[in-house]
N, C-alpha and C. Protein backbone atom coordinates (compact mmCIF):
# COMPACT_ATOMS: atom_id res chain seq x y z
N MET A 1 -22.62 113.00 -19.12
CA MET A 1 -21.47 112.12 -19.22
C MET A 1 -21.71 111.16 -20.46
N HIS A 2 -22.87 110.76 -20.69
CA HIS A 2 -23.12 109.92 -21.82
C HIS A 2 -23.02 110.65 -23.09
N THR A 3 -23.08 111.94 -23.04
CA THR A 3 -22.98 112.83 -24.23
C THR A 3 -21.54 112.84 -24.77
N SER A 4 -20.56 112.68 -23.85
CA SER A 4 -19.24 112.77 -24.27
C SER A 4 -18.60 111.38 -24.61
N TYR A 5 -19.34 110.40 -24.31
CA TYR A 5 -18.86 109.04 -24.54
C TYR A 5 -19.00 108.72 -25.98
N GLN A 6 -17.95 108.16 -26.62
CA GLN A 6 -18.03 107.82 -28.02
C GLN A 6 -17.75 106.35 -28.09
N PRO A 7 -18.67 105.57 -28.42
CA PRO A 7 -18.48 104.08 -28.49
C PRO A 7 -17.77 103.76 -29.85
N LEU A 8 -17.18 102.60 -29.91
CA LEU A 8 -16.46 102.18 -31.11
C LEU A 8 -17.42 101.73 -32.26
N LYS A 9 -18.51 101.16 -31.83
CA LYS A 9 -19.47 100.75 -32.86
C LYS A 9 -20.72 101.62 -32.75
N PRO A 10 -21.42 101.72 -33.74
CA PRO A 10 -22.67 102.59 -33.68
C PRO A 10 -23.75 101.84 -32.75
N VAL A 11 -24.27 102.62 -31.83
CA VAL A 11 -25.26 102.04 -30.91
C VAL A 11 -26.50 102.91 -30.89
N THR A 12 -27.59 102.35 -30.43
CA THR A 12 -28.85 103.12 -30.41
C THR A 12 -28.90 103.91 -29.07
N ASN A 13 -28.38 103.42 -27.98
CA ASN A 13 -28.46 104.10 -26.71
C ASN A 13 -27.02 104.17 -26.18
N ARG A 14 -26.58 105.37 -26.14
CA ARG A 14 -25.20 105.61 -25.68
C ARG A 14 -25.04 105.39 -24.16
N TYR A 15 -26.01 105.73 -23.45
CA TYR A 15 -25.91 105.57 -22.01
C TYR A 15 -25.83 104.12 -21.56
N LEU A 16 -26.57 103.33 -22.12
CA LEU A 16 -26.55 101.80 -21.83
C LEU A 16 -25.14 101.24 -22.29
N GLN A 17 -24.80 101.71 -23.42
CA GLN A 17 -23.54 101.11 -23.97
C GLN A 17 -22.35 101.52 -23.06
N GLN A 18 -22.39 102.64 -22.53
CA GLN A 18 -21.37 103.06 -21.70
C GLN A 18 -21.32 102.30 -20.34
N ARG A 19 -22.42 102.01 -19.81
CA ARG A 19 -22.48 101.19 -18.65
C ARG A 19 -22.05 99.78 -18.87
N TRP A 20 -22.41 99.20 -19.99
CA TRP A 20 -21.96 97.89 -20.36
C TRP A 20 -20.45 97.83 -20.57
N ASP A 21 -19.91 98.86 -21.21
CA ASP A 21 -18.48 98.87 -21.42
C ASP A 21 -17.74 99.00 -20.10
N GLN A 22 -18.26 99.85 -19.21
CA GLN A 22 -17.58 99.98 -17.95
C GLN A 22 -17.62 98.70 -17.09
N ASN A 23 -18.67 97.99 -17.14
CA ASN A 23 -18.77 96.63 -16.44
C ASN A 23 -17.80 95.64 -17.06
N GLN A 24 -17.64 95.72 -18.37
CA GLN A 24 -16.72 94.79 -19.02
C GLN A 24 -15.27 95.17 -18.62
N TYR A 25 -14.94 96.44 -18.54
CA TYR A 25 -13.58 96.90 -18.23
C TYR A 25 -13.31 96.51 -16.75
N GLN A 26 -14.17 96.71 -15.84
CA GLN A 26 -14.00 96.33 -14.42
C GLN A 26 -13.79 94.80 -14.21
N ASN A 27 -14.63 94.12 -15.03
CA ASN A 27 -14.47 92.70 -15.05
C ASN A 27 -13.06 92.26 -15.52
N HIS A 28 -12.56 92.92 -16.58
CA HIS A 28 -11.29 92.67 -17.12
C HIS A 28 -10.18 92.94 -16.10
N ARG A 29 -10.32 94.14 -15.39
CA ARG A 29 -9.33 94.50 -14.38
C ARG A 29 -9.28 93.50 -13.26
N ARG A 30 -10.48 93.04 -12.84
CA ARG A 30 -10.53 92.01 -11.76
C ARG A 30 -9.81 90.69 -12.21
N LYS A 31 -10.00 90.30 -13.43
CA LYS A 31 -9.38 89.13 -13.97
C LYS A 31 -7.87 89.33 -14.11
N VAL A 32 -7.42 90.49 -14.49
CA VAL A 32 -5.99 90.74 -14.57
C VAL A 32 -5.40 90.67 -13.22
N ILE A 33 -5.98 91.27 -12.23
CA ILE A 33 -5.43 91.27 -10.85
C ILE A 33 -5.42 89.88 -10.27
N SER A 34 -6.43 89.04 -10.47
CA SER A 34 -6.49 87.70 -9.91
C SER A 34 -5.85 86.67 -10.82
N ALA A 35 -5.29 87.09 -11.95
CA ALA A 35 -4.65 86.10 -12.88
C ALA A 35 -3.42 85.54 -12.26
N LEU A 36 -3.23 84.23 -12.45
CA LEU A 36 -2.07 83.53 -12.04
C LEU A 36 -1.10 83.34 -13.13
N PRO A 37 0.23 83.26 -12.85
CA PRO A 37 1.21 83.17 -13.94
C PRO A 37 1.13 81.76 -14.54
N VAL A 38 1.38 81.78 -15.89
CA VAL A 38 1.33 80.52 -16.61
C VAL A 38 2.64 79.68 -16.39
N VAL A 39 3.77 80.40 -16.28
CA VAL A 39 5.03 79.80 -16.06
C VAL A 39 5.27 79.76 -14.54
N ASP A 40 5.67 78.43 -13.95
CA ASP A 40 5.88 78.37 -12.53
C ASP A 40 7.39 78.64 -12.25
N ASN A 41 7.71 79.82 -11.72
CA ASN A 41 9.16 80.14 -11.46
C ASN A 41 9.44 80.20 -9.94
N LYS A 42 8.69 79.49 -9.14
CA LYS A 42 8.95 79.50 -7.68
C LYS A 42 9.98 78.52 -7.27
N GLY A 43 10.41 77.66 -8.09
CA GLY A 43 11.46 76.68 -7.69
C GLY A 43 10.76 75.41 -7.14
N MET A 44 11.68 74.34 -7.04
CA MET A 44 11.14 73.07 -6.58
C MET A 44 10.90 73.06 -5.07
N ARG A 45 9.89 72.40 -4.58
CA ARG A 45 9.70 72.24 -3.21
C ARG A 45 10.65 71.20 -2.66
N THR A 46 11.21 71.38 -1.44
CA THR A 46 12.13 70.47 -0.95
C THR A 46 11.30 69.22 -0.45
N PRO A 47 11.85 68.01 -0.80
CA PRO A 47 11.14 66.81 -0.47
C PRO A 47 11.09 66.64 1.06
N ALA A 48 10.14 65.89 1.54
CA ALA A 48 9.94 65.73 3.05
C ALA A 48 11.05 64.91 3.61
N HIS A 49 11.57 63.94 2.94
CA HIS A 49 12.68 63.15 3.60
C HIS A 49 13.97 63.92 3.71
N ILE A 50 14.09 64.93 2.93
CA ILE A 50 15.30 65.82 3.11
C ILE A 50 15.06 66.87 4.19
N GLN A 51 13.85 67.32 4.28
CA GLN A 51 13.54 68.41 5.33
C GLN A 51 13.64 67.73 6.69
N LEU A 52 13.28 66.55 6.85
CA LEU A 52 13.07 65.93 8.14
C LEU A 52 14.43 65.31 8.68
N LYS A 53 15.32 64.78 7.82
CA LYS A 53 16.58 64.16 8.22
C LYS A 53 16.50 63.17 9.41
N LEU A 54 15.90 62.05 9.09
CA LEU A 54 15.56 61.08 10.13
C LEU A 54 16.92 60.43 10.68
N LYS A 55 17.86 60.31 9.82
CA LYS A 55 19.16 59.62 10.28
C LYS A 55 19.91 60.54 11.28
N LYS A 56 19.81 61.88 11.02
CA LYS A 56 20.51 62.74 11.98
C LYS A 56 19.77 62.74 13.31
N MET A 57 18.43 62.62 13.26
CA MET A 57 17.67 62.58 14.55
C MET A 57 17.97 61.29 15.32
N GLN A 58 18.13 60.21 14.57
CA GLN A 58 18.45 58.94 15.15
C GLN A 58 19.83 58.95 15.83
N TRP A 59 20.82 59.54 15.10
CA TRP A 59 22.19 59.69 15.65
C TRP A 59 22.16 60.61 16.92
N GLN A 60 21.39 61.59 16.90
CA GLN A 60 21.32 62.50 18.13
C GLN A 60 20.70 61.74 19.29
N VAL A 61 19.65 60.92 19.00
CA VAL A 61 19.07 60.20 20.09
C VAL A 61 20.04 59.13 20.62
N GLU A 62 20.79 58.44 19.80
CA GLU A 62 21.73 57.55 20.28
C GLU A 62 22.85 58.24 21.12
N ARG A 63 23.33 59.38 20.63
CA ARG A 63 24.35 60.15 21.33
C ARG A 63 23.88 60.54 22.68
N LEU A 64 22.69 61.06 22.70
CA LEU A 64 22.04 61.44 24.03
C LEU A 64 21.90 60.27 24.98
N SER A 65 21.57 59.10 24.41
CA SER A 65 21.47 57.92 25.28
C SER A 65 22.83 57.46 25.87
N ILE A 66 23.90 57.55 25.00
CA ILE A 66 25.18 57.25 25.51
C ILE A 66 25.65 58.24 26.63
N ILE A 67 25.41 59.51 26.34
CA ILE A 67 25.77 60.52 27.39
C ILE A 67 24.96 60.24 28.67
N ASP A 68 23.68 59.95 28.52
CA ASP A 68 22.85 59.68 29.76
C ASP A 68 23.39 58.46 30.49
N ARG A 69 23.76 57.35 29.76
CA ARG A 69 24.31 56.25 30.40
C ARG A 69 25.63 56.54 31.14
N ASP A 70 26.51 57.28 30.50
CA ASP A 70 27.78 57.67 31.14
C ASP A 70 27.51 58.52 32.38
N ASN A 71 26.55 59.42 32.24
CA ASN A 71 26.26 60.25 33.41
C ASN A 71 25.70 59.39 34.62
N ARG A 72 24.95 58.38 34.29
CA ARG A 72 24.43 57.50 35.30
C ARG A 72 25.60 56.74 35.99
N LEU A 73 26.56 56.28 35.14
CA LEU A 73 27.66 55.54 35.68
C LEU A 73 28.50 56.37 36.63
N LEU A 74 28.79 57.66 36.13
CA LEU A 74 29.51 58.58 37.00
C LEU A 74 28.79 58.91 38.28
N ALA A 75 27.46 59.05 38.26
CA ALA A 75 26.72 59.41 39.45
C ALA A 75 26.76 58.21 40.40
N SER A 76 26.71 56.92 39.93
CA SER A 76 26.79 55.82 40.76
C SER A 76 28.19 55.74 41.34
N LYS A 77 29.24 56.00 40.65
CA LYS A 77 30.60 55.97 41.20
C LYS A 77 30.71 57.07 42.32
N LEU A 78 30.21 58.26 41.97
CA LEU A 78 30.34 59.38 42.98
C LEU A 78 29.52 58.98 44.26
N ALA A 79 28.37 58.24 44.06
CA ALA A 79 27.63 57.83 45.23
C ALA A 79 28.39 56.78 46.06
N ASP A 80 29.11 55.90 45.38
CA ASP A 80 29.94 54.93 46.04
C ASP A 80 31.10 55.60 46.81
N ILE A 81 31.69 56.62 46.21
CA ILE A 81 32.75 57.34 46.86
C ILE A 81 32.27 58.06 48.13
N VAL A 82 31.06 58.65 48.04
CA VAL A 82 30.48 59.38 49.17
C VAL A 82 30.16 58.34 50.27
N CYS A 83 29.60 57.21 49.93
CA CYS A 83 29.29 56.22 50.93
C CYS A 83 30.51 55.58 51.60
N SER A 84 31.62 55.47 50.85
CA SER A 84 32.83 54.83 51.34
C SER A 84 33.71 55.81 52.07
N LYS A 85 33.36 57.06 52.20
CA LYS A 85 34.01 58.06 52.89
C LYS A 85 35.37 58.39 52.26
N GLY A 86 35.45 58.24 50.93
CA GLY A 86 36.65 58.70 50.23
C GLY A 86 37.83 57.83 50.32
N LEU A 87 37.74 56.58 50.68
CA LEU A 87 38.95 55.71 50.74
C LEU A 87 39.40 55.42 49.31
N VAL A 88 40.62 55.45 49.10
CA VAL A 88 41.15 55.22 47.75
C VAL A 88 42.03 53.96 47.70
N ASP A 89 41.72 53.06 46.77
CA ASP A 89 42.54 51.89 46.55
C ASP A 89 43.56 52.25 45.55
N HIS A 90 44.83 52.49 46.05
CA HIS A 90 45.95 52.95 45.24
C HIS A 90 47.03 51.79 45.06
N GLN A 91 46.74 50.65 45.49
CA GLN A 91 47.76 49.57 45.37
C GLN A 91 47.60 48.88 44.13
N ASN A 92 48.73 48.75 43.39
CA ASN A 92 48.67 48.00 42.07
C ASN A 92 49.07 46.57 42.38
N GLN A 93 48.22 45.65 42.03
CA GLN A 93 48.46 44.25 42.32
C GLN A 93 49.18 43.50 41.18
N TYR A 94 49.61 44.19 40.10
CA TYR A 94 50.26 43.52 39.04
C TYR A 94 51.78 43.60 39.13
N GLN A 95 52.44 42.68 38.55
CA GLN A 95 53.88 42.71 38.54
C GLN A 95 54.42 43.00 37.18
N LEU A 96 55.51 43.80 37.15
CA LEU A 96 56.04 44.15 35.87
C LEU A 96 56.80 42.87 35.35
N ARG A 97 56.53 42.51 34.08
CA ARG A 97 57.12 41.37 33.50
C ARG A 97 57.62 41.69 32.13
N SER A 98 58.81 41.22 31.88
CA SER A 98 59.44 41.39 30.56
C SER A 98 58.92 40.33 29.59
N LEU A 99 58.76 40.76 28.37
CA LEU A 99 58.30 39.81 27.37
C LEU A 99 59.29 38.71 26.93
N ASN A 100 60.56 39.07 27.10
CA ASN A 100 61.55 38.07 26.69
C ASN A 100 62.23 37.50 27.92
N ALA A 101 61.64 37.47 29.11
CA ALA A 101 62.29 36.99 30.28
C ALA A 101 62.54 35.46 30.16
N ASP A 102 61.63 34.74 29.63
CA ASP A 102 61.73 33.30 29.47
C ASP A 102 62.97 33.00 28.59
N ARG A 103 63.07 33.71 27.47
CA ARG A 103 64.20 33.43 26.62
C ARG A 103 65.57 33.70 27.29
N ARG A 104 65.60 34.93 28.05
CA ARG A 104 66.86 35.19 28.71
C ARG A 104 67.16 34.14 29.77
N ARG A 105 66.13 33.61 30.46
CA ARG A 105 66.40 32.62 31.47
C ARG A 105 66.93 31.37 30.85
N GLU A 106 66.44 30.91 29.68
CA GLU A 106 66.91 29.78 28.99
C GLU A 106 68.31 29.94 28.50
N GLU A 107 68.65 31.17 28.00
CA GLU A 107 70.01 31.41 27.64
C GLU A 107 71.00 31.40 28.77
N LEU A 108 70.53 31.89 29.93
CA LEU A 108 71.33 31.83 31.14
C LEU A 108 71.62 30.45 31.63
N LEU A 109 70.60 29.62 31.54
CA LEU A 109 70.76 28.21 31.95
C LEU A 109 71.71 27.48 30.96
N LEU A 110 71.56 27.75 29.68
CA LEU A 110 72.47 27.11 28.73
C LEU A 110 73.90 27.55 28.96
N VAL A 111 74.14 28.90 29.26
CA VAL A 111 75.52 29.34 29.50
C VAL A 111 76.04 28.61 30.72
N GLY A 112 75.25 28.51 31.85
CA GLY A 112 75.60 27.81 33.05
C GLY A 112 76.05 26.41 32.81
N ARG A 113 75.21 25.64 31.98
CA ARG A 113 75.52 24.27 31.66
C ARG A 113 76.84 24.12 30.95
N GLN A 114 77.00 25.06 29.97
CA GLN A 114 78.28 25.02 29.17
C GLN A 114 79.45 25.34 30.10
N ASN A 115 79.34 26.26 30.97
CA ASN A 115 80.46 26.58 31.89
C ASN A 115 80.76 25.40 32.84
N ARG A 116 79.76 24.66 33.29
CA ARG A 116 79.95 23.50 34.17
C ARG A 116 80.68 22.41 33.35
N ALA A 117 80.22 22.20 32.13
CA ALA A 117 80.94 21.20 31.31
C ALA A 117 82.41 21.57 31.10
N ILE A 118 82.67 22.83 30.79
CA ILE A 118 84.05 23.23 30.59
C ILE A 118 84.83 23.09 31.87
N TYR A 119 84.29 23.41 33.03
CA TYR A 119 84.97 23.25 34.36
C TYR A 119 85.24 21.79 34.57
N GLN A 120 84.31 20.93 34.32
CA GLN A 120 84.59 19.46 34.61
C GLN A 120 85.66 18.89 33.64
N ARG A 121 85.67 19.36 32.37
CA ARG A 121 86.72 18.96 31.48
C ARG A 121 88.13 19.41 31.94
N ILE A 122 88.16 20.70 32.46
CA ILE A 122 89.37 21.25 32.94
C ILE A 122 89.89 20.49 34.18
N THR A 123 89.02 20.27 35.12
CA THR A 123 89.47 19.59 36.35
C THR A 123 89.76 18.07 36.09
N ALA A 124 89.14 17.40 35.10
CA ALA A 124 89.40 16.00 34.91
C ALA A 124 90.70 15.82 34.12
N ARG A 125 91.17 16.80 33.45
CA ARG A 125 92.38 16.69 32.63
C ARG A 125 93.62 16.65 33.54
N GLN A 126 94.48 15.67 33.21
CA GLN A 126 95.81 15.58 33.83
C GLN A 126 96.80 16.62 33.35
N SER A 127 97.59 17.13 34.32
CA SER A 127 98.61 18.13 33.95
C SER A 127 99.70 17.58 33.07
N GLU A 128 100.12 18.32 32.03
CA GLU A 128 101.20 17.87 31.20
C GLU A 128 102.52 18.31 31.73
N HIS A 129 102.57 19.22 32.73
CA HIS A 129 103.80 19.74 33.29
C HIS A 129 104.35 18.79 34.39
N ARG A 130 105.69 18.68 34.47
CA ARG A 130 106.26 17.83 35.44
C ARG A 130 106.62 18.68 36.64
N ARG A 131 105.75 18.80 37.51
CA ARG A 131 105.91 19.71 38.72
C ARG A 131 107.01 19.26 39.62
N GLN A 132 107.12 18.00 39.82
CA GLN A 132 108.16 17.48 40.75
C GLN A 132 109.52 17.81 40.22
N LEU A 133 109.70 17.81 38.92
CA LEU A 133 111.02 18.14 38.38
C LEU A 133 111.29 19.63 38.55
N TRP A 134 110.27 20.46 38.45
CA TRP A 134 110.43 21.91 38.66
C TRP A 134 110.81 22.22 40.09
N LEU A 135 110.17 21.54 41.01
CA LEU A 135 110.39 21.77 42.46
C LEU A 135 111.84 21.43 42.76
N GLY A 136 112.36 20.28 42.22
CA GLY A 136 113.74 19.86 42.50
C GLY A 136 114.66 20.92 41.89
N ASP A 137 114.41 21.43 40.70
CA ASP A 137 115.28 22.48 40.11
C ASP A 137 115.27 23.72 40.90
N ARG A 138 114.17 24.07 41.42
CA ARG A 138 114.09 25.31 42.29
C ARG A 138 114.93 25.15 43.47
N GLU A 139 114.80 24.06 44.16
CA GLU A 139 115.63 23.85 45.34
C GLU A 139 117.09 23.98 45.07
N ARG A 140 117.53 23.39 43.99
CA ARG A 140 118.96 23.45 43.63
C ARG A 140 119.32 24.91 43.24
N THR A 141 118.53 25.65 42.59
CA THR A 141 118.89 27.02 42.29
C THR A 141 118.82 27.98 43.47
N GLN A 142 118.10 27.66 44.51
CA GLN A 142 117.98 28.49 45.70
C GLN A 142 119.28 28.53 46.50
N GLN A 143 119.97 27.48 46.45
CA GLN A 143 121.22 27.37 47.17
C GLN A 143 122.38 27.54 46.21
N PRO A 144 122.96 28.76 46.08
CA PRO A 144 124.02 29.07 45.11
C PRO A 144 125.34 28.39 45.58
N ARG A 145 126.07 28.02 44.65
CA ARG A 145 127.39 27.38 44.95
C ARG A 145 128.51 28.46 45.18
N GLY A 146 129.34 28.41 46.06
CA GLY A 146 130.37 29.32 46.24
C GLY A 146 130.05 30.63 46.79
N LEU A 147 128.82 30.89 47.27
CA LEU A 147 128.37 32.13 47.81
C LEU A 147 129.07 32.40 49.16
N ALA A 148 129.22 31.41 49.90
CA ALA A 148 129.87 31.60 51.18
C ALA A 148 131.31 31.97 51.02
N GLU A 149 132.02 31.46 50.04
CA GLU A 149 133.42 31.84 49.72
C GLU A 149 133.50 33.32 49.35
N LYS A 150 132.66 33.79 48.52
CA LYS A 150 132.70 35.22 48.14
C LYS A 150 132.50 36.14 49.31
N GLN A 151 131.59 35.73 50.20
CA GLN A 151 131.35 36.60 51.36
C GLN A 151 132.57 36.72 52.23
N VAL A 152 133.23 35.61 52.40
CA VAL A 152 134.47 35.63 53.22
C VAL A 152 135.55 36.46 52.66
N LYS A 153 135.78 36.32 51.32
CA LYS A 153 136.79 37.17 50.60
C LYS A 153 136.43 38.63 50.78
N PHE A 154 135.20 39.04 50.61
CA PHE A 154 134.78 40.38 50.65
C PHE A 154 135.04 40.95 52.04
N ALA A 155 134.75 40.15 53.07
CA ALA A 155 134.93 40.64 54.44
C ALA A 155 136.39 40.83 54.72
N ALA A 156 137.32 39.97 54.20
CA ALA A 156 138.80 40.07 54.43
C ALA A 156 139.32 41.37 53.75
N VAL A 157 138.89 41.60 52.52
CA VAL A 157 139.35 42.81 51.80
C VAL A 157 138.92 44.05 52.54
N GLU A 158 137.78 44.02 53.01
CA GLU A 158 137.20 45.14 53.68
C GLU A 158 138.01 45.51 55.00
N SER A 159 138.38 44.51 55.70
CA SER A 159 139.18 44.75 56.91
C SER A 159 140.55 45.22 56.61
N SER A 160 141.25 44.82 55.56
CA SER A 160 142.57 45.29 55.33
C SER A 160 142.64 46.73 54.77
N ASP A 161 141.72 47.08 53.91
CA ASP A 161 141.72 48.40 53.31
C ASP A 161 140.49 49.15 53.85
N SER A 162 140.31 49.26 55.07
CA SER A 162 139.03 49.83 55.60
C SER A 162 138.80 51.27 55.20
N SER A 163 139.89 52.15 55.37
CA SER A 163 139.66 53.57 55.13
C SER A 163 139.65 53.84 53.61
N ALA A 164 140.61 53.34 52.87
CA ALA A 164 140.78 53.65 51.52
C ALA A 164 139.69 52.96 50.63
N SER A 165 139.49 51.73 50.90
CA SER A 165 138.60 50.97 50.04
C SER A 165 137.13 51.37 50.37
N CYS A 166 136.80 51.73 51.57
CA CYS A 166 135.44 52.17 51.96
C CYS A 166 135.10 53.40 51.18
N SER A 167 136.05 54.36 51.11
CA SER A 167 135.68 55.60 50.44
C SER A 167 135.63 55.44 48.96
N ASN A 168 136.41 54.47 48.42
CA ASN A 168 136.34 54.14 46.97
C ASN A 168 135.08 53.34 46.67
N THR A 169 134.78 52.45 47.46
CA THR A 169 133.54 51.57 47.25
C THR A 169 132.32 52.47 47.44
N ASP A 170 132.35 53.31 48.46
CA ASP A 170 131.16 54.16 48.59
C ASP A 170 130.94 55.04 47.37
N ARG A 171 132.03 55.52 46.82
CA ARG A 171 131.94 56.39 45.69
C ARG A 171 131.38 55.62 44.48
N THR A 172 131.95 54.43 44.26
CA THR A 172 131.50 53.62 43.12
C THR A 172 130.10 53.14 43.35
N ASP A 173 129.75 52.81 44.61
CA ASP A 173 128.35 52.38 44.91
C ASP A 173 127.39 53.56 44.62
N ARG A 174 127.69 54.75 45.03
CA ARG A 174 126.80 55.84 44.76
C ARG A 174 126.70 56.07 43.26
N ASP A 175 127.77 55.97 42.50
CA ASP A 175 127.70 56.15 41.04
C ASP A 175 126.84 55.08 40.31
N THR A 176 127.08 53.84 40.74
CA THR A 176 126.28 52.76 40.06
C THR A 176 124.92 52.52 40.72
N GLY A 177 124.72 53.04 41.93
CA GLY A 177 123.48 52.73 42.60
C GLY A 177 123.49 51.47 43.28
N ASP A 178 124.67 50.83 43.52
CA ASP A 178 124.78 49.47 44.14
C ASP A 178 124.89 49.74 45.69
N THR A 179 124.20 48.92 46.44
CA THR A 179 124.30 48.99 47.91
C THR A 179 125.45 48.17 48.47
N GLY A 180 126.07 47.33 47.71
CA GLY A 180 127.08 46.52 48.25
C GLY A 180 126.67 45.20 48.82
N ASP A 181 125.36 44.92 48.84
CA ASP A 181 124.83 43.73 49.40
C ASP A 181 124.75 42.67 48.31
N THR A 182 125.46 41.58 48.46
CA THR A 182 125.51 40.58 47.37
C THR A 182 124.32 39.56 47.48
N SER A 183 123.68 39.57 48.59
CA SER A 183 122.55 38.61 48.65
C SER A 183 121.44 38.98 47.84
N GLU A 184 121.25 40.27 47.57
CA GLU A 184 120.12 40.69 46.75
C GLU A 184 120.37 40.43 45.28
N ARG A 185 121.69 40.33 44.89
CA ARG A 185 122.01 40.09 43.48
C ARG A 185 121.75 38.68 43.18
């Protein structure tokens, strides 16, 4: 094998030169395999404060504590219900109240006072009408003059012309719608 080996430089012993060259080449191959890249292309490492997210953990702990507190409250309420044998207090002790009830009451009182004042003014006022005069006129007009004379005349005419005048008067009464009673006129 050393006979076929041709070194690049002239040597006195080809066999030794071949072994030295092989050792150098294996050394080189080991270095190439174990060589690290000069340029770092792995990317940036994520910082610890971003990986851990302490604020999110704190928020979760607070949320869990609120849930735990609510659960304890519900459990105590359920225990009270079990101990009280399920009695329910369903009576509302509050009264419905309007927000402007006071204002409406004041307006109502004001209207009442005004009405009383108007009523007192009306009742205290003396009448301007002369009632006594009116009553006297009425009495005079209730008793018509000469009504008795007309009734007597009508009765006499009726007795003399009983058959002829009755048929004529009945016909005229029916046409005019008159009943023949003079007291209603």
